[in-house]
C-alpha atoms as a PDB file:
ATOM      1  CA  MET A   1      -0.083   0.042   0.054  1.00  0.00           C
ATOM      2  CA  SER A   2       0.986   3.603  -0.576  1.00  0.00           C
ATOM      3  CA  ALA A   3       0.775   6.245   2.197  1.00  0.00           C
ATOM      4  CA  VAL A   4      -2.087   8.713   1.740  1.00  0.00           C
ATOM      5  CA  ILE A   5      -1.375  10.575   4.951  1.00  0.00           C
ATOM      6  CA  GLU A   6       1.986  10.764   6.745  1.00  0.00           C
ATOM      7  CA  ILE A   7       2.641  12.781   9.889  1.00  0.00           C
ATOM      8  CA  ALA A   8       5.925  12.666  11.754  1.00  0.00           C
ATOM      9  CA  GLY A   9       6.932  14.585  14.821  1.00  0.00           C
ATOM     10  CA  LEU A  10       3.987  16.985  14.683  1.00  0.00           C
ATOM     11  CA  ARG A  11       3.922  19.586  17.408  1.00  0.00           C
ATOM     12  CA  LYS A  12       1.609  22.569  17.978  1.00  0.00           C
ATOM     13  CA  THR A  13       1.323  24.762  20.903  1.00  0.00           C
ATOM     14  CA  PHE A  14      -1.177  27.528  21.625  1.00  0.00           C
ATOM     15  CA  HIS A  15      -1.263  30.456  24.030  1.00  0.00           C
ATOM     16  CA  THR A  16      -4.448  30.370  26.249  1.00  0.00           C
ATOM     17  CA  LEU A  17      -5.719  33.148  28.311  1.00  0.00           C
ATOM     18  CA  ARG A  18      -6.241  31.005  31.413  1.00  0.00           C
ATOM     19  CA  GLN A  19      -3.446  28.552  31.170  1.00  0.00           C
ATOM     20  CA  GLY A  20      -0.708  30.384  29.197  1.00  0.00           C
ATOM     21  CA  ARG A  21       1.196  28.215  26.757  1.00  0.00           C
ATOM     22  CA  ARG A  22      -0.444  24.837  26.064  1.00  0.00           C
ATOM     23  CA  VAL A  23       0.864  21.986  24.040  1.00  0.00           C
ATOM     24  CA  ALA A  24      -2.000  20.700  21.932  1.00  0.00           C
ATOM     25  CA  VAL A  25       0.020  18.119  19.766  1.00  0.00           C
ATOM     26  CA  ASP A  26       3.240  16.648  20.971  1.00  0.00           C
ATOM     27  CA  ASP A  27       5.579  14.708  18.716  1.00  0.00           C
ATOM     28  CA  PHE A  28       2.713  13.031  17.011  1.00  0.00           C
ATOM     29  CA  ASP A  29       3.055  10.404  14.279  1.00  0.00           C
ATOM     30  CA  MET A  30       0.335   8.941  11.903  1.00  0.00           C
ATOM     31  CA  LEU A  31       0.240   6.755   8.913  1.00  0.00           C
ATOM     32  CA  VAL A  32      -2.859   6.271   6.770  1.00  0.00           C
ATOM     33  CA  GLU A  33      -2.498   4.016   3.720  1.00  0.00           C
ATOM     34  CA  ALA A  34      -4.476   3.864   0.599  1.00  0.00           C
ATOM     35  CA  GLY A  35      -7.790   2.042   0.870  1.00  0.00           C
ATOM     36  CA  GLN A  36      -8.071   2.167   4.700  1.00  0.00           C
ATOM     37  CA  VAL A  37     -10.866   3.214   6.697  1.00  0.00           C
ATOM     38  CA  HIS A  38      -8.826   4.665   9.613  1.00  0.00           C
ATOM     39  CA  GLY A  39     -10.408   5.640  12.962  1.00  0.00           C
ATOM     40  CA  PHE A  40      -8.801   8.685  14.760  1.00  0.00           C
ATOM     41  CA  LEU A  41      -9.843   8.455  18.506  1.00  0.00           C
ATOM     42  CA  GLY A  42      -9.153  10.676  21.580  1.00  0.00           C
ATOM     43  CA  PRO A  43     -10.915  12.455  24.424  1.00  0.00           C
ATOM     44  CA  ASN A  44     -12.047  16.113  23.904  1.00  0.00           C
ATOM     45  CA  GLY A  45      -8.985  18.297  23.999  1.00  0.00           C
ATOM     46  CA  SER A  46      -6.673  15.478  23.001  1.00  0.00           C
ATOM     47  CA  GLY A  47      -5.430  17.191  19.828  1.00  0.00           C
ATOM     48  CA  LYS A  48      -7.446  15.400  17.230  1.00  0.00           C
ATOM     49  CA  THR A  49      -8.958  18.532  15.569  1.00  0.00           C
ATOM     50  CA  THR A  50      -5.617  20.400  15.803  1.00  0.00           C
ATOM     51  CA  THR A  51      -3.941  17.622  14.008  1.00  0.00           C
ATOM     52  CA  LEU A  52      -6.514  17.730  11.169  1.00  0.00           C
ATOM     53  CA  ARG A  53      -6.518  21.450  10.927  1.00  0.00           C
ATOM     54  CA  ALA A  54      -2.631  21.318  10.693  1.00  0.00           C
ATOM     55  CA  LEU A  55      -2.737  18.634   8.152  1.00  0.00           C
ATOM     56  CA  LEU A  56      -5.073  20.668   6.004  1.00  0.00           C
ATOM     57  CA  GLY A  57      -3.120  23.883   6.330  1.00  0.00           C
ATOM     58  CA  LEU A  58      -5.654  25.643   8.613  1.00  0.00           C
ATOM     59  CA  VAL A  59      -3.154  26.125  11.434  1.00  0.00           C
ATOM     60  CA  ARG A  60       0.606  26.522  11.346  1.00  0.00           C
ATOM     61  CA  PRO A  61       2.550  23.772  13.217  1.00  0.00           C
ATOM     62  CA  ASP A  62       5.514  24.466  15.311  1.00  0.00           C
ATOM     63  CA  ALA A  63       7.468  21.380  14.064  1.00  0.00           C
ATOM     64  CA  GLY A  64       7.006  18.122  12.199  1.00  0.00           C
ATOM     65  CA  ARG A  65       6.557  16.787   8.619  1.00  0.00           C
ATOM     66  CA  MET A  66       3.173  16.089   6.923  1.00  0.00           C
ATOM     67  CA  SER A  67       2.131  14.857   3.532  1.00  0.00           C
ATOM     68  CA  VAL A  68      -1.316  14.333   1.945  1.00  0.00           C
ATOM     69  CA  LEU A  69      -1.492  12.002  -1.141  1.00  0.00           C
ATOM     70  CA  GLY A  70       2.322  12.390  -1.498  1.00  0.00           C
ATOM     71  CA  ALA A  71       2.385  16.179  -1.420  1.00  0.00           C
ATOM     72  CA  SER A  72       4.057  17.892   1.476  1.00  0.00           C
ATOM     73  CA  SER A  73       1.635  19.857   3.645  1.00  0.00           C
ATOM     74  CA  PRO A  74       1.006  22.788   3.779  1.00  0.00           C
ATOM     75  CA  ASP A  75       3.559  23.789   1.045  1.00  0.00           C
ATOM     76  CA  ARG A  76       2.145  21.617  -1.827  1.00  0.00           C
ATOM     77  CA  LEU A  77      -1.296  21.103  -0.503  1.00  0.00           C
ATOM     78  CA  PRO A  78      -2.913  23.075  -3.355  1.00  0.00           C
ATOM     79  CA  GLU A  79      -1.653  20.394  -5.836  1.00  0.00           C
ATOM     80  CA  VAL A  80      -3.799  17.785  -4.296  1.00  0.00           C
ATOM     81  CA  ALA A  81      -6.754  19.871  -2.716  1.00  0.00           C
ATOM     82  CA  GLY A  82      -8.999  18.793  -5.475  1.00  0.00           C
ATOM     83  CA  ARG A  83      -8.632  15.117  -4.514  1.00  0.00           C
ATOM     84  CA  VAL A  84      -9.384  15.623  -0.879  1.00  0.00           C
ATOM     85  CA  GLY A  85     -12.773  16.075   0.842  1.00  0.00           C
ATOM     86  CA  ALA A  86     -12.913  17.209   4.461  1.00  0.00           C
ATOM     87  CA  ILE A  87     -15.151  18.144   7.381  1.00  0.00           C
ATOM     88  CA  VAL A  88     -13.353  19.664  10.340  1.00  0.00           C
ATOM     89  CA  GLU A  89     -15.307  20.897  13.365  1.00  0.00           C
ATOM     90  CA  SER A  90     -18.988  22.000  12.977  1.00  0.00           C
ATOM     91  CA  PRO A  91     -20.225  22.828   9.494  1.00  0.00           C
ATOM     92  CA  GLN A  92     -21.284  26.355   8.767  1.00  0.00           C
ATOM     93  CA  PHE A  93     -23.716  27.303   6.033  1.00  0.00           C
ATOM     94  CA  PHE A  94     -25.811  30.327   5.109  1.00  0.00           C
ATOM     95  CA  GLY A  95     -29.130  29.713   6.630  1.00  0.00           C
ATOM     96  CA  ASN A  96     -31.285  31.407   4.020  1.00  0.00           C
ATOM     97  CA  PHE A  97     -29.820  29.262   1.257  1.00  0.00           C
ATOM     98  CA  THR A  98     -31.354  25.826   0.316  1.00  0.00           C
ATOM     99  CA  ALA A  99     -29.181  22.812   0.462  1.00  0.00           C
ATOM    100  CA  HIS A 100     -29.253  22.443  -3.245  1.00  0.00           C
ATOM    101  CA  ARG A 101     -28.069  26.054  -3.843  1.00  0.00           C
ATOM    102  CA  THR A 102     -25.491  25.723  -1.279  1.00  0.00           C
ATOM    103  CA  LEU A 103     -23.986  22.659  -2.894  1.00  0.00           C
ATOM    104  CA  ARG A 104     -24.290  24.233  -6.351  1.00  0.00           C
ATOM    105  CA  LEU A 105     -22.282  27.259  -5.285  1.00  0.00           C
ATOM    106  CA  LEU A 106     -19.700  25.007  -3.681  1.00  0.00           C
ATOM    107  CA  ALA A 107     -19.507  22.928  -6.831  1.00  0.00           C
ATOM    108  CA  LEU A 108     -18.923  25.990  -9.098  1.00  0.00           C
ATOM    109  CA  ALA A 109     -16.325  27.451  -6.751  1.00  0.00           C
ATOM    110  CA  GLY A 110     -14.490  24.142  -6.488  1.00  0.00           C
ATOM    111  CA  GLY A 111     -14.617  23.216 -10.091  1.00  0.00           C
ATOM    112  CA  ALA A 112     -16.968  20.189  -9.555  1.00  0.00           C
ATOM    113  CA  PRO A 113     -19.719  19.477 -12.080  1.00  0.00           C
ATOM    114  CA  THR A 114     -23.109  20.785 -10.805  1.00  0.00           C
ATOM    115  CA  ALA A 115     -24.622  17.508 -11.841  1.00  0.00           C
ATOM    116  CA  ARG A 116     -22.940  16.019  -8.741  1.00  0.00           C
ATOM    117  CA  VAL A 117     -25.324  18.109  -6.467  1.00  0.00           C
ATOM    118  CA  ASP A 118     -28.203  15.801  -6.775  1.00  0.00           C
ATOM    119  CA  GLU A 119     -26.022  12.742  -6.626  1.00  0.00           C
ATOM    120  CA  VAL A 120     -24.463  13.761  -3.319  1.00  0.00           C
ATOM    121  CA  LEU A 121     -27.800  14.709  -1.753  1.00  0.00           C
ATOM    122  CA  GLU A 122     -29.066  11.293  -2.770  1.00  0.00           C
ATOM    123  CA  GLN A 123     -25.872   9.642  -1.125  1.00  0.00           C
ATOM    124  CA  VAL A 124     -26.518  11.386   2.186  1.00  0.00           C
ATOM    125  CA  GLY A 125     -30.290  11.015   2.280  1.00  0.00           C
ATOM    126  CA  LEU A 126     -31.318  14.579   1.610  1.00  0.00           C
ATOM    127  CA  ARG A 127     -32.556  14.321  -1.937  1.00  0.00           C
ATOM    128  CA  ASP A 128     -36.177  15.103  -0.753  1.00  0.00           C
ATOM    129  CA  ARG A 129     -35.089  17.984   1.473  1.00  0.00           C
ATOM    130  CA  GLY A 130     -32.671  19.656  -0.859  1.00  0.00           C
ATOM    131  CA  GLY A 131     -35.101  22.473  -1.626  1.00  0.00           C
ATOM    132  CA  GLU A 132     -35.480  23.541   1.996  1.00  0.00           C
ATOM    133  CA  ARG A 133     -33.489  26.359   3.561  1.00  0.00           C
ATOM    134  CA  VAL A 134     -30.620  25.243   5.720  1.00  0.00           C
ATOM    135  CA  LYS A 135     -31.701  27.344   8.678  1.00  0.00           C
ATOM    136  CA  GLY A 136     -34.621  24.864   9.102  1.00  0.00           C
ATOM    137  CA  TYR A 137     -32.217  21.818   9.244  1.00  0.00           C
ATOM    138  CA  SER A 138     -31.574  19.914  12.421  1.00  0.00           C
ATOM    139  CA  LEU A 139     -28.033  19.402  13.486  1.00  0.00           C
ATOM    140  CA  GLY A 140     -27.989  15.945  11.935  1.00  0.00           C
ATOM    141  CA  MET A 141     -29.194  17.168   8.685  1.00  0.00           C
ATOM    142  CA  LYS A 142     -26.588  19.893   8.677  1.00  0.00           C
ATOM    143  CA  GLN A 143     -24.030  17.118   9.246  1.00  0.00           C
ATOM    144  CA  ARG A 144     -25.335  15.198   6.260  1.00  0.00           C
ATOM    145  CA  LEU A 145     -25.007  18.434   4.136  1.00  0.00           C
ATOM    146  CA  ALA A 146     -21.524  18.837   5.191  1.00  0.00           C
ATOM    147  CA  VAL A 147     -20.710  15.262   4.139  1.00  0.00           C
ATOM    148  CA  ALA A 148     -22.414  15.939   0.793  1.00  0.00           C
ATOM    149  CA  SER A 149     -20.230  19.035   0.337  1.00  0.00           C
ATOM    150  CA  ALA A 150     -17.085  16.920   1.024  1.00  0.00           C
ATOM    151  CA  LEU A 151     -18.180  14.365  -1.654  1.00  0.00           C
ATOM    152  CA  LEU A 152     -18.815  16.913  -4.432  1.00  0.00           C
ATOM    153  CA  LYS A 153     -15.271  16.416  -5.926  1.00  0.00           C
ATOM    154  CA  ARG A 154     -15.379  12.631  -5.800  1.00  0.00           C
ATOM    155  CA  PRO A 155     -12.377  12.641  -3.364  1.00  0.00           C
ATOM    156  CA  GLU A 156      -9.739  10.138  -3.200  1.00  0.00           C
ATOM    157  CA  LEU A 157      -9.234  10.917   0.480  1.00  0.00           C
ATOM    158  CA  LEU A 158     -12.156  11.838   2.759  1.00  0.00           C
ATOM    159  CA  ILE A 159     -11.502  13.268   6.149  1.00  0.00           C
ATOM    160  CA  LEU A 160     -14.534  13.269   8.482  1.00  0.00           C
ATOM    161  CA  ASP A 161     -14.403  14.897  11.915  1.00  0.00           C
ATOM    162  CA  GLU A 162     -17.409  13.670  13.938  1.00  0.00           C
ATOM    163  CA  PRO A 163     -19.747  13.096  10.900  1.00  0.00           C
ATOM    164  CA  ALA A 164     -22.363  11.304  13.099  1.00  0.00           C
ATOM    165  CA  ASN A 165     -22.743  14.316  15.326  1.00  0.00           C
ATOM    166  CA  GLY A 166     -26.518  14.916  15.971  1.00  0.00           C
ATOM    167  CA  LEU A 167     -27.721  11.917  13.906  1.00  0.00           C
ATOM    168  CA  ASP A 168     -30.263   9.550  15.291  1.00  0.00           C
ATOM    169  CA  PRO A 169     -29.596   5.787  15.261  1.00  0.00           C
ATOM    170  CA  ALA A 170     -31.038   5.452  11.733  1.00  0.00           C
ATOM    171  CA  GLY A 171     -28.883   8.319  10.406  1.00  0.00           C
ATOM    172  CA  ILE A 172     -25.834   6.681  12.130  1.00  0.00           C
ATOM    173  CA  ARG A 173     -26.510   3.437  10.396  1.00  0.00           C
ATOM    174  CA  GLU A 174     -26.879   5.237   7.045  1.00  0.00           C
ATOM    175  CA  MET A 175     -23.516   7.117   7.564  1.00  0.00           C
ATOM    176  CA  ARG A 176     -21.979   3.793   8.342  1.00  0.00           C
ATOM    177  CA  ASP A 177     -23.264   2.239   5.111  1.00  0.00           C
ATOM    178  CA  LEU A 178     -22.148   5.466   3.213  1.00  0.00           C
ATOM    179  CA  THR A 179     -18.627   4.975   4.579  1.00  0.00           C
ATOM    180  CA  ARG A 180     -18.471   1.401   3.720  1.00  0.00           C
ATOM    181  CA  SER A 181     -19.639   2.019   0.163  1.00  0.00           C
ATOM    182  CA  LEU A 182     -17.081   4.737  -0.314  1.00  0.00           C
ATOM    183  CA  ALA A 183     -14.354   2.467   1.061  1.00  0.00           C
ATOM    184  CA  ALA A 184     -15.520  -0.297  -1.281  1.00  0.00           C
ATOM    185  CA  ALA A 185     -15.176   2.168  -4.198  1.00  0.00           C
ATOM    186  CA  GLY A 186     -11.461   2.836  -3.301  1.00  0.00           C
ATOM    187  CA  VAL A 187     -11.859   6.047  -1.176  1.00  0.00           C
ATOM    188  CA  THR A 188      -9.550   6.219   1.691  1.00  0.00           C
ATOM    189  CA  VAL A 189     -11.409   7.558   4.778  1.00  0.00           C
ATOM    190  CA  LEU A 190      -9.946   9.100   7.841  1.00  0.00           C
ATOM    191  CA  LEU A 191     -12.817   9.171  10.515  1.00  0.00           C
ATOM    192  CA  SER A 192     -12.733  10.892  13.894  1.00  0.00           C
ATOM    193  CA  SER A 193     -15.640  10.012  16.178  1.00  0.00           C
ATOM    194  CA  HIS A 194     -16.746   9.626  19.763  1.00  0.00           C
ATOM    195  CA  ILE A 195     -19.075   6.649  18.761  1.00  0.00           C
ATOM    196  CA  LEU A 196     -16.525   3.881  19.524  1.00  0.00           C
ATOM    197  CA  ALA A 197     -18.863   1.147  18.615  1.00  0.00           C
ATOM    198  CA  GLU A 198     -19.196   2.633  15.152  1.00  0.00           C
ATOM    199  CA  ILE A 199     -15.465   2.978  14.774  1.00  0.00           C
ATOM    200  CA  GLN A 200     -15.023  -0.677  15.598  1.00  0.00           C
ATOM    201  CA  LEU A 201     -17.656  -1.704  13.052  1.00  0.00           C
ATOM    202  CA  ILE A 202     -16.384   0.507  10.238  1.00  0.00           C
ATOM    203  CA  CYS A 203     -12.682   0.961  10.537  1.00  0.00           C
ATOM    204  CA  ASP A 204      -9.878  -1.471   9.822  1.00  0.00           C
ATOM    205  CA  HIS A 205      -7.090   0.687  11.335  1.00  0.00           C
ATOM    206  CA  VAL A 206      -7.038   3.040  14.399  1.00  0.00           C
ATOM    207  CA  THR A 207      -4.906   5.731  15.932  1.00  0.00           C
ATOM    208  CA  ILE A 208      -5.671   6.716  19.569  1.00  0.00           C
ATOM    209  CA  VAL A 209      -4.288   9.955  20.873  1.00  0.00           C
ATOM    210  CA  SER A 210      -4.346  11.361  24.345  1.00  0.00           C
ATOM    211  CA  ARG A 211      -2.935  14.852  25.406  1.00  0.00           C
ATOM    212  CA  GLY A 212      -1.485  15.253  22.026  1.00  0.00           C
ATOM    213  CA  ARG A 213       0.446  12.039  22.025  1.00  0.00           C
ATOM    214  CA  ARG A 214      -0.139   8.800  20.159  1.00  0.00           C
ATOM    215  CA  VAL A 215      -0.840   5.995  22.602  1.00  0.00           C
ATOM    216  CA  ALA A 216      -1.906   3.216  20.274  1.00  0.00           C
ATOM    217  CA  TYR A 217      -1.863   2.544  16.521  1.00  0.00           C
ATOM    218  CA  GLY A 218      -2.401  -0.341  14.230  1.00  0.00           C
ATOM    219  CA  PRO A 219      -5.102  -2.713  12.830  1.00  0.00           C
ATOM    220  CA  VAL A 220      -8.155  -2.676  15.016  1.00  0.00           C
ATOM    221  CA  ASP A 221      -7.933  -6.368  15.710  1.00  0.00           C
ATOM    222  CA  GLU A 222      -4.277  -6.102  16.836  1.00  0.00           C
ATOM    223  CA  VAL A 223      -4.865  -3.139  19.035  1.00  0.00           C
ATOM    224  CA  LEU A 224      -7.684  -5.038  20.792  1.00  0.00           C
ATOM    225  CA  ALA A 225      -5.606  -8.303  21.003  1.00  0.00           C
ATOM    226  CA  GLY A 226      -2.920  -6.121  22.789  1.00  0.00           C
ATOM    227  CA  PHE A 227      -5.339  -5.899  25.743  1.00  0.00           C
ATOM    228  CA  ASP A 228      -6.851  -9.432  25.584  1.00  0.00           C
ATOM    229  CA  GLN A 229      -6.383 -10.958  29.017  1.00  0.00           C
ATOM    230  CA  HIS A 230      -7.752 -14.302  27.791  1.00  0.00           C
ATOM    231  CA  GLN A 231     -10.770 -14.126  30.181  1.00  0.00           C
ATOM    232  CA  TRP A 232     -13.690 -16.609  30.326  1.00  0.00           C
ATOM    233  CA  GLN A 233     -17.099 -16.240  31.906  1.00  0.00           C
ATOM    234  CA  VAL A 234     -17.984 -19.624  33.578  1.00  0.00           C
ATOM    235  CA  ARG A 235     -21.465 -20.481  34.882  1.00  0.00           C
ATOM    236  CA  VAL A 236     -21.843 -23.737  36.838  1.00  0.00           C
ATOM    237  CA  ALA A 237     -24.450 -24.861  39.425  1.00  0.00           C
ATOM    238  CA  GLU A 238     -21.873 -25.015  42.344  1.00  0.00           C
ATOM    239  CA  LEU A 239     -20.026 -21.729  42.018  1.00  0.00           C
ATOM    240  CA  GLU A 240     -18.048 -21.785  45.217  1.00  0.00           C
ATOM    241  CA  GLN A 241     -16.903 -25.462  44.770  1.00  0.00           C
ATOM    242  CA  ALA A 242     -15.953 -24.688  41.133  1.00  0.00           C
ATOM    243  CA  ALA A 243     -13.838 -21.655  42.261  1.00  0.00           C
ATOM    244  CA  GLN A 244     -11.980 -23.765  44.750  1.00  0.00           C
ATOM    245  CA  VAL A 245     -11.292 -26.515  42.086  1.00  0.00           C
ATOM    246  CA  LEU A 246     -10.015 -23.978  39.541  1.00  0.00           C
ATOM    247  CA  GLY A 247      -7.988 -22.193  42.099  1.00  0.00           C
ATOM    248  CA  ARG A 248      -6.294 -25.434  43.212  1.00  0.00           C
ATOM    249  CA  ALA A 249      -5.482 -26.093  39.614  1.00  0.00           C
ATOM    250  CA  GLY A 250      -3.515 -22.784  39.524  1.00  0.00           C
ATOM    251  CA  LEU A 251      -6.072 -20.792  37.551  1.00  0.00           C
ATOM    252  CA  SER A 252      -6.853 -17.112  38.410  1.00  0.00           C
ATOM    253  CA  VAL A 253     -10.534 -17.026  39.338  1.00  0.00           C
ATOM    254  CA  THR A 254     -12.797 -14.011  40.259  1.00  0.00           C
ATOM    255  CA  GLY A 255     -16.007 -14.811  41.905  1.00  0.00           C
ATOM    256  CA  HIS A 256     -19.376 -13.067  41.182  1.00  0.00           C
ATOM    257  CA  PRO A 257     -22.818 -13.725  42.572  1.00  0.00           C
ATOM    258  CA  ASP A 258     -23.881 -15.586  39.413  1.00  0.00           C
ATOM    259  CA  ARG A 259     -20.688 -16.481  37.657  1.00  0.00           C
ATOM    260  CA  LEU A 260     -16.903 -16.910  37.741  1.00  0.00           C
ATOM    261  CA  VAL A 261     -14.448 -15.140  35.614  1.00  0.00           C
ATOM    262  CA  VAL A 262     -11.184 -17.075  34.874  1.00  0.00           C
ATOM    263  CA  THR A 263      -8.167 -15.036  33.554  1.00  0.00           C
ATOM    264  CA  GLY A 264      -5.139 -16.028  31.635  1.00  0.00           C
ATOM    265  CA  VAL A 265      -6.419 -19.124  29.957  1.00  0.00           C
ATOM    266  CA  VAL A 266      -5.886 -19.437  26.198  1.00  0.00           C
ATOM    267  CA  ASP A 267      -7.602 -22.765  25.640  1.00  0.00           C
ATOM    268  CA  PRO A 268     -11.067 -22.967  27.349  1.00  0.00           C
ATOM    269  CA  GLU A 269     -10.787 -26.796  27.310  1.00  0.00           C
ATOM    270  CA  VAL A 270      -8.575 -26.417  30.325  1.00  0.00           C
ATOM    271  CA  ILE A 271     -11.485 -24.905  32.337  1.00  0.00           C
ATOM    272  CA  SER A 272     -14.158 -27.377  31.215  1.00  0.00           C
ATOM    273  CA  ARG A 273     -11.888 -30.465  31.705  1.00  0.00           C
ATOM    274  CA  THR A 274     -10.682 -29.329  35.157  1.00  0.00           C
ATOM    275  CA  LEU A 275     -14.168 -28.883  36.376  1.00  0.00           C
ATOM    276  CA  GLY A 276     -15.485 -32.027  34.555  1.00  0.00           C
ATOM    277  CA  GLU A 277     -12.984 -34.269  36.291  1.00  0.00           C
ATOM    278  CA  GLN A 278     -14.477 -33.209  39.538  1.00  0.00           C
ATOM    279  CA  GLY A 279     -17.994 -33.808  38.455  1.00  0.00           C
ATOM    280  CA  LEU A 280     -18.865 -30.107  37.851  1.00  0.00           C
ATOM    281  CA  TRP A 281     -20.492 -29.493  34.569  1.00  0.00           C
ATOM    282  CA  VAL A 282     -20.219 -26.197  32.807  1.00  0.00           C
ATOM    283  CA  ARG A 283     -23.464 -24.524  31.916  1.00  0.00           C
ATOM    284  CA  GLU A 284     -21.815 -21.580  30.191  1.00  0.00           C
ATOM    285  CA  LEU A 285     -18.412 -20.804  28.876  1.00  0.00           C
ATOM    286  CA  LEU A 286     -17.942 -17.498  27.132  1.00  0.00           C
ATOM    287  CA  PRO A 287     -14.928 -15.510  26.126  1.00  0.00           C
ATOM    288  CA  LEU A 288     -14.669 -11.954  27.432  1.00  0.00           C
ATOM    289  CA  ARG A 289     -12.850 -10.016  24.700  1.00  0.00           C
ATOM    290  CA  PRO A 290     -12.000  -6.422  24.991  1.00  0.00           C
ATOM    291  CA  ASP A 291     -13.841  -3.938  22.737  1.00  0.00           C
ATOM    292  CA  LEU A 292     -12.625  -0.550  21.412  1.00  0.00           C
ATOM    293  CA  GLU A 293     -14.435   1.286  24.125  1.00  0.00           C
ATOM    294  CA  SER A 294     -12.808  -0.649  26.989  1.00  0.00           C
ATOM    295  CA  VAL A 295      -9.433  -0.218  25.320  1.00  0.00           C
ATOM    296  CA  PHE A 296     -10.048   3.478  24.812  1.00  0.00           C
ATOM    297  CA  LEU A 297     -10.994   3.980  28.407  1.00  0.00           C
ATOM    298  CA  GLU A 298      -7.926   1.964  29.491  1.00  0.00           C
ATOM    299  CA  LEU A 299      -5.656   4.219  27.504  1.00  0.00           C
ATOM    300  CA  THR A 300      -7.298   7.661  28.193  1.00  0.00           C
ATOM    301  CA  GLY A 301      -9.359   7.663  31.158  1.00  0.00           C
ATOM    302  CA  GLY A 302      -9.694   6.764  34.824  1.00  0.00           C
ATOM    303  CA  HIS A 303      -5.993   6.210  35.381  1.00  0.00           C
ATOM    304  CA  ASP A 304      -3.248   8.511  36.406  1.00  0.00           C
ATOM    305  CA  HIS A 305      -1.002   7.197  33.592  1.00  0.00           C
ATOM    306  CA  VAL A 306      -1.616   5.716  30.240  1.00  0.00           C
ATOM    307  CA  ALA A 307      -1.575   1.887  30.209  1.00  0.00           C
ATOM    308  CA  VAL A 308       1.063   0.343  27.886  1.00  0.00           C
ATOM    309  CA  PRO A 309      -0.423  -2.220  25.436  1.00  0.00           C
ATOM    310  CA  ARG A 310       1.565  -4.696  23.574  1.00  0.00           C
ATOM    311  CA  GLN A 311       3.374  -3.290  20.577  1.00  0.00           C
ATOM    312  CA  VAL A 312       1.364  -3.104  17.412  1.00  0.00           C
ATOM    313  CA  ASP A 313       3.380  -0.754  15.259  1.00  0.00           C
ATOM    314  CA  GLY A 314       6.975  -1.633  15.939  1.00  0.00           C
ATOM    315  CA  ALA A 315       7.580   1.114  18.521  1.00  0.00           C
ATOM    316  CA  PRO A 316       6.413   1.484  22.196  1.00  0.00           C
ATOM    317  CA  PRO A 317       3.394   3.713  22.740  1.00  0.00           C
ATOM    318  CA  GLN A 318       4.079   7.182  24.276  1.00  0.00           C
ATOM    319  CA  ASP A 319       3.238   7.462  27.878  1.00  0.00           C
ATOM    320  CA  GLY A 320       1.595  10.518  29.385  1.00  0.00           C
ATOM    321  CA  VAL A 321      -0.614  11.840  32.208  1.00  0.00           C
ATOM    322  CA  ILE A 322      -4.263  11.933  31.317  1.00  0.00           C
ATOM    323  CA  ASP A 323      -6.623  14.767  32.394  1.00  0.00           C
ATOM    324  CA  LEU A 324     -10.191  14.260  31.334  1.00  0.00           C
ATOM    325  CA  ASP A 325     -11.426  17.466  32.881  1.00  0.00           C
ATOM    326  CA  VAL A 326     -10.862  19.437  29.583  1.00  0.00           C
ATOM    327  CA  ARG A 327     -12.571  22.771  29.079  1.00  0.00           C
ATOM    328  CA  GLU A 328     -12.817  25.164  26.254  1.00  0.00           C
ATOM    329  CA  ASN A 329     -10.064  27.855  26.104  1.00  0.00           C
ATOM    330  CA  ARG A 330      -9.700  30.802  23.826  1.00  0.00           C
ATOM    331  CA  GLU A 331      -6.629  30.128  21.795  1.00  0.00           C
ATOM    332  CA  VAL A 332      -4.213  32.285  20.011  1.00  0.00           C
ATOM    333  CA  ASP A 333      -2.194  30.706  17.253  1.00  0.00           C
ATOM    334  CA  ALA A 334       1.466  30.645  18.490  1.00  0.00           C
END
């Protein structure tokens, strides 16, 4: 695969009125290869949007190297801008314009054929609402319109920052289907979202950032495997006796009122055989695998320090102190 996005050593600081100098992105690396649907995750204030804005030439970084579709950013970004569609932060539109007129003006300004307007409205589920003024749109409809605007140029790379913001469950599912169809058509997608279950369903690779530093990177399955403790949920009729038997066999057992959790067992046959030899028959034996939400929280929340997963990208993750009490600050570009 060829790299569509490369970021190495990115650093960006801001001056804030309340906190003085603040590091938003600190020695950050990212690699997105052609054809990927790449999830970009982090708590509020972790540096995701700053990274995307720097990549697209909207803020000036202090240090680092970036490229988009092989062109260095921001110097050569105009050479590939026509091949990139992006939504960063909340979309802003003229409220008195209809969606159709808005997209037509954007198509004319960007050199896209105006015939694309009806096509992209259809793609995002707004075909029947295209003649309505944008000021009457809900937040979710505005998000759909923003995605439509990013699709006008038939981009090779699509960057979406919280595209499901304001969408109801049906809209989220439609956005998921749209993302998958675009990926199937060869579009590389970089997707930032707080809906972690959606990221796990849609994305094949993921980068997790906290306090401006990368804390995990790689294929989603490998990132999750790095946190797999090989746990099994066991239900038997005689819980206390079963716990004693498993404990005597050297297994790590945690008791609960209605089940046992056995940790560190790769082959579940060990559990069923150990209990069966003592006449204890297993009613339920289920694997407890980590999901993206649990891994995300392990890395970015509820701990004084970032947990260290197994390596998935050839280099150890960067450690850092996590503070989830992130508030808005007025920022001045340094």
